[in-house]
Amino acid sequence: MLSVLTEQWQSVLNSASSSFFRADSRAEIQSLFQAMLVAVKAMQQAAKDQKWHLVRQADREIQTLSQRAVSLGWNKTGSTEAEQLKRHYQLIISQISQSKAEMEVKMEQQLRDREGILAYGLLTQGEGI
């Protein structure tokens, strides 16, 4: 799923040179999209590796880059690029939230298992509960 997102971001990046951008900002917007693509890939990889501090770092970078792109007016052009970027970002965040929820369930299960193992250990040592 994340590799599909990367391909879709590349498509957005390629369309960023469309004629609806002012000529002087087109190169900067292209550069910003490229940087966002790199940050999204980093965020995807960090989420896959469950390195949450790197996910936060990439997220901050994406926010900073998108704020700069907005200041250049790329989201006011009526183009679909802004909406595509927003949807992809939201999908990544949704996947990260799902991973978080799954991890919380596993942690709760481990806690229950640990409590059961400790209780069993006490019983086998004759101490009772």
Protein backbone atom coordinates (compact mmCIF):
# COMPACT_ATOMS: atom_id res chain seq x y z
CA MET A 1 0.00 0.00 0.00
CA LEU A 2 2.76 2.45 0.87
CA SER A 3 4.60 1.79 -2.41
CA VAL A 4 1.40 2.69 -4.27
CA LEU A 5 1.34 5.97 -2.39
CA THR A 6 4.91 6.67 -3.44
CA GLU A 7 3.98 6.11 -7.08
CA GLN A 8 0.99 8.42 -6.72
CA TRP A 9 3.13 11.12 -5.08
CA GLN A 10 5.56 10.81 -7.99
CA SER A 11 2.65 11.42 -10.34
CA VAL A 12 1.70 14.53 -8.38
CA LEU A 13 5.31 15.66 -8.46
CA ASN A 14 5.44 15.26 -12.23
CA SER A 15 2.28 17.33 -12.68
CA ALA A 16 3.59 20.14 -10.48
CA SER A 17 5.15 21.81 -13.48
CA SER A 18 1.73 22.52 -14.98
CA SER A 19 1.19 25.92 -16.49
CA PHE A 20 -1.18 27.15 -13.75
CA PHE A 21 1.78 28.05 -11.51
CA ARG A 22 3.48 31.41 -11.91
CA ALA A 23 6.69 30.93 -13.85
CA ASP A 24 8.84 32.28 -11.01
CA SER A 25 7.35 29.92 -8.42
CA ARG A 26 7.10 26.83 -10.63
CA ALA A 27 10.70 25.73 -9.97
CA GLU A 28 10.36 26.29 -6.23
CA ILE A 29 7.08 24.38 -6.09
CA GLN A 30 8.68 21.54 -8.05
CA SER A 31 11.52 21.54 -5.54
CA LEU A 32 9.06 21.57 -2.61
CA PHE A 33 7.13 18.63 -4.06
CA GLN A 34 10.38 16.72 -4.50
CA ALA A 35 11.31 17.42 -0.88
CA MET A 36 7.81 16.37 0.24
CA LEU A 37 8.17 13.13 -1.70
CA VAL A 38 11.46 12.41 0.06
CA ALA A 39 9.87 13.23 3.44
CA VAL A 40 6.87 11.01 2.70
CA LYS A 41 9.14 8.11 1.76
CA ALA A 42 11.08 8.66 4.99
CA MET A 43 7.83 8.76 6.95
CA GLN A 44 6.61 5.56 5.29
CA GLN A 45 9.86 3.75 6.02
CA ALA A 46 9.97 4.99 9.60
CA ALA A 47 6.40 3.78 10.14
CA LYS A 48 7.27 0.42 8.62
CA ASP A 49 10.29 0.18 10.94
CA GLN A 50 8.20 1.46 13.87
CA LYS A 51 10.63 4.29 14.52
CA TRP A 52 8.06 6.73 15.75
CA HIS A 53 10.48 9.56 16.51
CA LEU A 54 11.46 9.53 12.83
CA VAL A 55 7.79 9.52 11.83
CA ARG A 56 7.28 12.69 13.89
CA GLN A 57 10.39 14.26 12.38
CA ALA A 58 9.23 13.53 8.81
CA ASP A 59 5.74 14.77 9.67
CA ARG A 60 7.14 18.09 10.88
CA GLU A 61 9.18 18.40 7.70
CA ILE A 62 6.12 17.71 5.53
CA GLN A 63 4.15 20.34 7.44
CA THR A 64 6.91 22.92 6.98
CA LEU A 65 7.24 22.18 3.26
CA SER A 66 3.50 22.29 2.68
CA GLN A 67 3.22 25.61 4.51
CA ARG A 68 5.86 27.02 2.17
CA ALA A 69 4.03 25.64 -0.88
CA VAL A 70 0.77 27.17 0.35
CA SER A 71 2.53 30.50 0.76
CA LEU A 72 3.40 30.28 -2.95
CA GLY A 73 -0.28 29.78 -3.74
CA TRP A 74 -0.17 26.25 -5.13
CA ASN A 75 -3.35 25.29 -3.28
CA LYS A 76 -5.38 28.22 -4.64
CA THR A 77 -5.09 27.26 -8.27
CA GLY A 78 -8.09 24.96 -8.39
CA SER A 79 -5.76 22.07 -9.21
CA THR A 80 -6.12 18.59 -7.86
CA GLU A 81 -2.51 18.44 -6.66
CA ALA A 82 -3.33 20.02 -3.31
CA GLU A 83 -6.18 17.59 -2.75
CA GLN A 84 -4.06 14.64 -3.82
CA LEU A 85 -1.31 15.61 -1.42
CA LYS A 86 -3.82 16.01 1.39
CA ARG A 87 -5.46 12.63 0.69
CA HIS A 88 -2.11 10.81 0.54
CA TYR A 89 -0.93 12.42 3.74
CA GLN A 90 -4.20 11.54 5.48
CA LEU A 91 -3.92 7.95 4.26
CA ILE A 92 -0.42 7.66 5.68
CA ILE A 93 -1.58 9.11 9.00
CA SER A 94 -4.51 6.68 8.98
CA GLN A 95 -2.16 3.75 8.41
CA ILE A 96 0.07 4.94 11.23
CA SER A 97 -2.97 5.27 13.52
CA GLN A 98 -4.00 1.74 12.61
CA SER A 99 -0.49 0.48 13.42
CA LYS A 100 -0.66 2.32 16.73
CA ALA A 101 -4.00 0.74 17.59
CA GLU A 102 -2.69 -2.72 16.71
CA MET A 103 0.39 -2.12 18.85
CA GLU A 104 -1.77 -1.02 21.79
CA VAL A 105 -3.81 -4.23 21.53
CA LYS A 106 -0.60 -6.30 21.51
CA MET A 107 0.76 -4.41 24.50
CA GLU A 108 -2.48 -4.96 26.44
CA GLN A 109 -2.34 -8.66 25.58
CA GLN A 110 1.29 -8.86 26.73
CA LEU A 111 0.34 -7.18 29.99
CA ARG A 112 -2.46 -9.70 30.55
CA ASP A 113 -0.12 -12.56 29.64
CA ARG A 114 2.51 -11.23 32.04
CA GLU A 115 0.01 -11.00 34.87
CA GLY A 116 -1.08 -14.57 34.18
CA ILE A 117 2.50 -15.82 34.11
CA LEU A 118 3.27 -14.06 37.39
CA ALA A 119 0.16 -15.52 39.01
CA TYR A 120 1.08 -18.98 37.75
CA GLY A 121 4.60 -18.53 39.09
CA LEU A 122 3.26 -17.62 42.51
CA LEU A 123 0.94 -20.64 42.51
CA THR A 124 3.68 -23.05 41.53
CA GLN A 125 5.89 -21.69 44.27
CA GLY A 126 3.14 -22.41 46.76
CA GLU A 127 2.49 -18.80 47.70
CA GLY A 128 -1.08 -18.64 46.35
CA ILE A 129 -2.70 -15.50 45.05
